[in-house]
Amino acid sequence: MLSGLRQNTPVYVLYKNEPRFAVGKVAQVSNQYPPQFNLQQALNPTQGMMVDLLVEVDGKTENFPRIPISSSIAEFPDKGIILSETREGLVNEIGAIKNASQMAIDQVDLHKRIIATCDQLLLDLNPQLKHEQEQAGKIARLEEQIAGMSEQIAAMTGLLSKSLGKKPKEE
């Protein structure tokens, strides 16, 4: 239990947003205190006493308040941090982070199809937007044709200069 930690004992810190972990050490453990009374406590009266931890990690001392004494892991979503009394306590959390990322990767194609469908729906519902997109497409095709014609003209000019024995002008 995190409440069993004492000064200078190791604590394992998982940074969920990066992800990485660090080993810190407990700088201070507060005395146990009851949780503040609120609606959640009234609905879940099994929640027991709490402690605050000061942990030295990565050269800084951070405060981790309101940790239930019965917990072996405590999550601090506002900091993107999970504390554990053991390395093993982080294994499930790391697995959950990995699974969430894998699910996101697996859904990329689905979301690309949704975006394409929404783009088409927007065009169907907004004739002005559809007209602007058609115009942009026409302009892009014209630019490609002009670029192709410029290359052909440059190639023909070079051939003509060679057949006349002249050097092409350098720009």
Protein backbone atom coordinates (compact mmCIF):
# COMPACT_ATOMS: atom_id res chain seq x y z
CA MET A 1 0.00 0.00 0.00
CA LEU A 2 1.18 3.51 -0.79
CA SER A 3 0.38 4.44 2.79
CA GLY A 4 3.11 2.02 3.92
CA LEU A 5 5.78 4.05 2.18
CA ARG A 6 8.19 5.85 4.45
CA GLN A 7 10.75 8.57 3.90
CA ASN A 8 13.50 7.55 1.42
CA THR A 9 11.65 4.46 0.17
CA PRO A 10 11.38 4.10 -3.61
CA VAL A 11 8.20 4.90 -5.47
CA TYR A 12 7.64 4.27 -9.17
CA VAL A 13 6.31 7.08 -11.32
CA LEU A 14 4.73 6.48 -14.73
CA TYR A 15 4.39 9.49 -17.01
CA LYS A 16 1.44 8.51 -19.18
CA ASN A 17 1.73 11.27 -21.77
CA GLU A 18 5.37 10.62 -22.71
CA PRO A 19 5.31 7.46 -21.74
CA ARG A 20 8.22 6.72 -19.48
CA PHE A 21 8.80 5.79 -15.88
CA ALA A 22 11.15 7.01 -13.20
CA VAL A 23 12.07 5.85 -9.77
CA GLY A 24 11.61 8.50 -7.15
CA LYS A 25 11.93 8.43 -3.41
CA VAL A 26 9.49 9.48 -0.78
CA ALA A 27 10.50 12.78 0.78
CA GLN A 28 7.60 13.02 3.18
CA VAL A 29 4.37 11.20 4.11
CA SER A 30 1.61 13.14 5.82
CA ASN A 31 -0.40 11.83 8.72
CA GLN A 32 -3.49 9.92 7.74
CA TYR A 33 -6.67 11.97 7.50
CA PRO A 34 -10.28 11.30 6.52
CA PRO A 35 -11.43 12.31 3.04
CA GLN A 36 -13.36 15.53 2.70
CA PHE A 37 -17.05 14.85 2.91
CA ASN A 38 -18.72 15.06 -0.45
CA LEU A 39 -21.44 13.32 -2.41
CA GLN A 40 -18.99 10.70 -3.71
CA GLN A 41 -18.03 9.73 -0.16
CA ALA A 42 -21.69 9.50 0.78
CA LEU A 43 -22.27 7.15 -2.15
CA ASN A 44 -19.05 5.18 -1.49
CA PRO A 45 -18.48 5.07 2.26
CA THR A 46 -15.84 2.33 1.94
CA GLN A 47 -13.25 4.90 0.91
CA GLY A 48 -10.98 5.13 3.92
CA MET A 49 -8.28 7.36 5.25
CA MET A 50 -5.92 9.28 3.00
CA VAL A 51 -2.32 10.52 2.97
CA ASP A 52 -0.33 13.07 1.01
CA LEU A 53 3.07 12.16 -0.41
CA LEU A 54 5.98 14.40 -1.34
CA VAL A 55 8.13 12.54 -3.84
CA GLU A 56 11.56 13.47 -5.18
CA VAL A 57 11.68 12.46 -8.82
CA ASP A 58 13.81 13.71 -11.71
CA GLY A 59 15.48 16.26 -9.45
CA LYS A 60 12.19 17.85 -8.35
CA THR A 61 9.95 17.38 -5.35
CA GLU A 62 6.31 16.91 -6.31
CA ASN A 63 3.23 16.80 -4.11
CA PHE A 64 0.76 13.96 -4.57
CA PRO A 65 -2.27 14.67 -2.37
CA ARG A 66 -5.28 12.63 -1.26
CA ILE A 67 -4.01 9.09 -1.81
CA PRO A 68 -6.31 6.46 -0.29
CA ILE A 69 -4.25 4.42 2.17
CA SER A 70 -5.67 1.18 0.78
CA SER A 71 -4.27 1.89 -2.73
CA SER A 72 -1.14 0.37 -4.21
CA ILE A 73 -1.49 2.63 -7.27
CA ALA A 74 -2.65 6.25 -7.43
CA GLU A 75 -3.47 8.14 -10.62
CA PHE A 76 -3.19 11.89 -11.03
CA PRO A 77 -4.87 12.68 -14.38
CA ASP A 78 -4.19 16.41 -14.13
CA LYS A 79 -0.44 15.62 -14.08
CA GLY A 80 -0.63 12.58 -16.38
CA ILE A 81 1.09 10.55 -13.67
CA ILE A 82 0.53 7.21 -11.99
CA LEU A 83 2.34 6.35 -8.75
CA SER A 84 3.00 2.78 -7.70
CA GLU A 85 4.74 1.20 -4.77
CA THR A 86 6.18 -1.52 -7.08
CA ARG A 87 7.40 -1.85 -10.64
CA GLU A 88 4.87 -4.61 -11.20
CA GLY A 89 2.12 -2.15 -10.38
CA LEU A 90 2.96 -0.21 -13.52
CA VAL A 91 2.82 -3.23 -15.88
CA ASN A 92 -0.98 -3.22 -16.21
CA GLU A 93 -1.01 0.55 -16.64
CA ILE A 94 1.61 0.40 -19.40
CA GLY A 95 -0.38 -2.38 -21.09
CA ALA A 96 -3.49 -0.19 -20.98
CA ILE A 97 -1.63 2.76 -22.53
CA LYS A 98 -0.27 0.51 -25.27
CA ASN A 99 -3.71 -1.00 -25.98
CA ALA A 100 -5.31 2.45 -26.19
CA SER A 101 -2.69 3.57 -28.71
CA GLN A 102 -3.08 0.36 -30.73
CA MET A 103 -6.85 0.89 -30.84
CA ALA A 104 -6.29 4.45 -32.07
CA ILE A 105 -3.98 3.21 -34.84
CA ASP A 106 -6.48 0.51 -35.81
CA GLN A 107 -9.18 3.16 -36.21
CA VAL A 108 -7.21 5.51 -38.48
CA ASP A 109 -8.75 4.13 -41.70
CA LEU A 110 -12.26 4.34 -40.23
CA HIS A 111 -11.74 7.99 -39.31
CA LYS A 112 -10.27 8.80 -42.74
CA ARG A 113 -13.44 7.36 -44.34
CA ILE A 114 -15.60 9.39 -41.94
CA ILE A 115 -13.71 12.59 -42.86
CA ALA A 116 -14.09 11.87 -46.58
CA THR A 117 -17.82 11.18 -46.14
CA CYS A 118 -18.30 14.36 -44.09
CA ASP A 119 -16.44 16.38 -46.74
CA GLN A 120 -18.79 15.00 -49.40
CA LEU A 121 -21.85 15.70 -47.24
CA LEU A 122 -20.68 19.29 -46.74
CA LEU A 123 -20.30 19.68 -50.50
CA ASP A 124 -23.76 18.23 -51.08
CA LEU A 125 -25.30 20.59 -48.52
CA ASN A 126 -23.38 23.72 -49.55
CA PRO A 127 -23.49 24.47 -53.31
CA GLN A 128 -21.11 27.44 -52.95
CA LEU A 129 -18.45 25.22 -51.33
CA LYS A 130 -18.94 22.63 -54.07
CA HIS A 131 -18.54 25.31 -56.75
CA GLU A 132 -15.35 26.64 -55.10
CA GLN A 133 -13.88 23.14 -54.91
CA GLU A 134 -14.70 22.48 -58.59
CA GLN A 135 -13.03 25.78 -59.54
CA ALA A 136 -9.93 24.90 -57.50
CA GLY A 137 -9.78 21.53 -59.28
CA LYS A 138 -10.05 23.18 -62.71
CA ILE A 139 -7.29 25.65 -61.83
CA ALA A 140 -5.02 22.85 -60.59
CA ARG A 141 -5.56 20.88 -63.85
CA LEU A 142 -4.83 23.98 -65.93
CA GLU A 143 -1.63 24.61 -63.97
CA GLU A 144 -0.54 21.01 -64.63
CA GLN A 145 -1.27 21.39 -68.35
CA ILE A 146 0.67 24.66 -68.55
CA ALA A 147 3.62 23.11 -66.73
CA GLY A 148 3.57 20.16 -69.16
CA MET A 149 3.39 22.49 -72.15
CA SER A 150 6.27 24.56 -70.79
CA GLU A 151 8.41 21.44 -70.53
CA GLN A 152 7.49 20.44 -74.10
CA ILE A 153 8.31 23.92 -75.42
CA ALA A 154 11.65 23.90 -73.60
CA ALA A 155 12.46 20.48 -75.05
CA MET A 156 11.47 21.54 -78.59
CA THR A 157 13.48 24.76 -78.28
CA GLY A 158 16.52 22.73 -77.25
CA LEU A 159 16.10 20.34 -80.22
CA LEU A 160 15.59 23.21 -82.64
CA SER A 161 18.73 24.94 -81.37
CA LYS A 162 20.75 21.74 -81.77
CA SER A 163 19.51 21.14 -85.31
CA LEU A 164 20.42 24.71 -86.30
CA GLY A 165 23.77 24.42 -84.56
CA LYS A 166 23.02 27.18 -82.11
CA LYS A 167 23.41 27.11 -78.40
CA PRO A 168 20.17 27.59 -76.50
CA LYS A 169 20.00 30.82 -74.55
CA GLU A 170 20.68 30.43 -70.87
CA GLU A 171 18.30 32.11 -68.50
